[in-house]
Amino acid sequence: MAPVGGTAVQDHVALAEIELCGELIIAASAAQERLSLESIDEVLKVAEERDSSRR
């Protein structure tokens, strides 16, 4: 049971991971076939992350 004082802790990393999992579930359910590795990278924005880390 959560404390009444509203001291809930938010784990921003966990929330981001949950959001990414949701995006993958949506993409997989909309796909006709299994998602390719490239499609998964696109959903997870892996290329964008690589590009921003190179700067």
N, C-alpha and C. Protein backbone atom coordinates (compact mmCIF):
# COMPACT_ATOMS: atom_id res chain seq x y z
N MET A 1 0.84 -1.19 0.00
CA MET A 1 0.00 0.00 0.00
C MET A 1 0.89 1.25 0.00
N ALA A 2 0.56 2.21 -0.84
CA ALA A 2 1.35 3.44 -0.96
C ALA A 2 1.09 4.36 0.22
N PRO A 3 2.11 5.07 0.64
CA PRO A 3 1.91 6.04 1.73
C PRO A 3 0.93 7.12 1.32
N VAL A 4 0.19 7.63 2.29
CA VAL A 4 -0.82 8.65 2.04
C VAL A 4 -0.20 9.98 1.65
N GLY A 5 1.01 10.24 2.08
CA GLY A 5 1.66 11.53 1.85
C GLY A 5 2.04 11.80 0.41
N GLY A 6 1.84 10.86 -0.49
CA GLY A 6 2.16 11.08 -1.89
C GLY A 6 3.66 11.09 -2.16
N THR A 7 4.39 10.21 -1.53
CA THR A 7 5.84 10.18 -1.71
C THR A 7 6.26 9.12 -2.73
N ALA A 8 5.48 8.93 -3.76
CA ALA A 8 5.80 7.94 -4.78
C ALA A 8 7.08 8.34 -5.50
N VAL A 9 7.94 7.39 -5.71
CA VAL A 9 9.21 7.63 -6.39
C VAL A 9 9.04 7.21 -7.84
N GLN A 10 9.51 8.07 -8.74
CA GLN A 10 9.44 7.73 -10.16
C GLN A 10 10.82 7.33 -10.64
N ASP A 11 10.91 6.17 -11.23
CA ASP A 11 12.15 5.70 -11.83
C ASP A 11 12.07 6.02 -13.31
N HIS A 12 12.75 7.08 -13.72
CA HIS A 12 12.62 7.57 -15.09
C HIS A 12 13.17 6.57 -16.11
N VAL A 13 14.18 5.81 -15.73
CA VAL A 13 14.73 4.81 -16.64
C VAL A 13 13.70 3.70 -16.85
N ALA A 14 13.08 3.25 -15.77
CA ALA A 14 12.06 2.20 -15.88
C ALA A 14 10.87 2.69 -16.71
N LEU A 15 10.46 3.92 -16.51
CA LEU A 15 9.34 4.47 -17.28
C LEU A 15 9.69 4.54 -18.77
N ALA A 16 10.92 4.91 -19.09
CA ALA A 16 11.35 4.97 -20.49
C ALA A 16 11.36 3.57 -21.10
N GLU A 17 11.82 2.58 -20.34
CA GLU A 17 11.84 1.21 -20.84
C GLU A 17 10.42 0.69 -21.07
N ILE A 18 9.51 1.02 -20.19
CA ILE A 18 8.11 0.61 -20.36
C ILE A 18 7.52 1.25 -21.61
N GLU A 19 7.84 2.51 -21.84
CA GLU A 19 7.34 3.20 -23.03
C GLU A 19 7.89 2.54 -24.30
N LEU A 20 9.18 2.19 -24.30
CA LEU A 20 9.76 1.53 -25.47
C LEU A 20 9.14 0.16 -25.71
N CYS A 21 8.89 -0.57 -24.64
CA CYS A 21 8.22 -1.88 -24.78
C CYS A 21 6.83 -1.71 -25.38
N GLY A 22 6.13 -0.69 -24.94
CA GLY A 22 4.81 -0.41 -25.50
C GLY A 22 4.88 -0.10 -26.98
N GLU A 23 5.87 0.68 -27.37
CA GLU A 23 6.04 1.01 -28.80
C GLU A 23 6.32 -0.25 -29.61
N LEU A 24 7.14 -1.16 -29.05
CA LEU A 24 7.42 -2.41 -29.75
C LEU A 24 6.17 -3.27 -29.87
N ILE A 25 5.37 -3.33 -28.83
CA ILE A 25 4.14 -4.12 -28.86
C ILE A 25 3.19 -3.58 -29.91
N ILE A 26 3.06 -2.27 -29.98
CA ILE A 26 2.19 -1.64 -30.98
C ILE A 26 2.69 -1.96 -32.39
N ALA A 27 4.00 -1.81 -32.61
CA ALA A 27 4.56 -2.08 -33.94
C ALA A 27 4.38 -3.55 -34.31
N ALA A 28 4.62 -4.44 -33.36
CA ALA A 28 4.49 -5.88 -33.65
C ALA A 28 3.05 -6.26 -33.94
N SER A 29 2.12 -5.67 -33.24
CA SER A 29 0.72 -6.02 -33.47
C SER A 29 0.20 -5.47 -34.79
N ALA A 30 0.81 -4.40 -35.28
CA ALA A 30 0.38 -3.81 -36.55
C ALA A 30 1.07 -4.48 -37.75
N ALA A 31 2.14 -5.20 -37.51
CA ALA A 31 2.91 -5.81 -38.60
C ALA A 31 2.23 -7.08 -39.11
N GLN A 32 2.41 -7.32 -40.39
CA GLN A 32 1.88 -8.54 -41.00
C GLN A 32 2.77 -9.74 -40.69
N GLU A 33 4.07 -9.50 -40.56
CA GLU A 33 5.05 -10.54 -40.30
C GLU A 33 5.90 -10.14 -39.09
N ARG A 34 6.84 -10.98 -38.75
CA ARG A 34 7.75 -10.65 -37.66
C ARG A 34 8.51 -9.38 -37.99
N LEU A 35 8.80 -8.58 -36.98
CA LEU A 35 9.58 -7.37 -37.20
C LEU A 35 11.03 -7.74 -37.49
N SER A 36 11.60 -7.09 -38.49
CA SER A 36 13.02 -7.28 -38.78
C SER A 36 13.83 -6.52 -37.75
N LEU A 37 15.11 -6.85 -37.67
CA LEU A 37 15.99 -6.13 -36.74
C LEU A 37 16.03 -4.64 -37.09
N GLU A 38 15.98 -4.33 -38.37
CA GLU A 38 15.98 -2.93 -38.78
C GLU A 38 14.70 -2.22 -38.33
N SER A 39 13.57 -2.92 -38.41
CA SER A 39 12.30 -2.35 -37.95
C SER A 39 12.32 -2.10 -36.45
N ILE A 40 12.86 -3.05 -35.73
CA ILE A 40 12.95 -2.90 -34.27
C ILE A 40 13.85 -1.71 -33.93
N ASP A 41 14.99 -1.60 -34.61
CA ASP A 41 15.87 -0.45 -34.38
C ASP A 41 15.17 0.86 -34.68
N GLU A 42 14.34 0.86 -35.73
CA GLU A 42 13.61 2.07 -36.09
C GLU A 42 12.61 2.44 -34.99
N VAL A 43 11.88 1.45 -34.48
CA VAL A 43 10.90 1.70 -33.42
C VAL A 43 11.60 2.22 -32.16
N LEU A 44 12.76 1.63 -31.86
CA LEU A 44 13.49 2.02 -30.65
C LEU A 44 14.36 3.25 -30.86
N LYS A 45 14.38 3.76 -32.10
CA LYS A 45 15.16 4.95 -32.46
C LYS A 45 16.64 4.76 -32.16
N VAL A 46 17.14 3.56 -32.47
CA VAL A 46 18.54 3.23 -32.21
C VAL A 46 19.46 4.09 -33.05
N ALA A 47 19.15 4.27 -34.33
CA ALA A 47 20.01 5.07 -35.21
C ALA A 47 20.10 6.51 -34.72
N GLU A 48 18.99 7.05 -34.27
CA GLU A 48 19.00 8.42 -33.76
C GLU A 48 19.89 8.53 -32.53
N GLU A 49 19.86 7.52 -31.68
CA GLU A 49 20.68 7.52 -30.47
C GLU A 49 22.16 7.43 -30.83
N ARG A 50 22.48 6.60 -31.82
CA ARG A 50 23.88 6.48 -32.27
C ARG A 50 24.37 7.80 -32.84
N ASP A 51 23.53 8.45 -33.65
CA ASP A 51 23.92 9.72 -34.27
C ASP A 51 24.17 10.80 -33.22
N SER A 52 23.33 10.87 -32.20
CA SER A 52 23.49 11.89 -31.18
C SER A 52 24.69 11.62 -30.28
N SER A 53 25.07 10.35 -30.11
CA SER A 53 26.20 10.03 -29.25
C SER A 53 27.53 10.28 -29.97
N ARG A 54 27.52 10.35 -31.28
CA ARG A 54 28.74 10.60 -32.05
C ARG A 54 29.13 12.07 -32.04
N ARG A 55 28.25 12.93 -31.69
CA ARG A 55 28.52 14.38 -31.74
C ARG A 55 29.40 14.81 -30.62
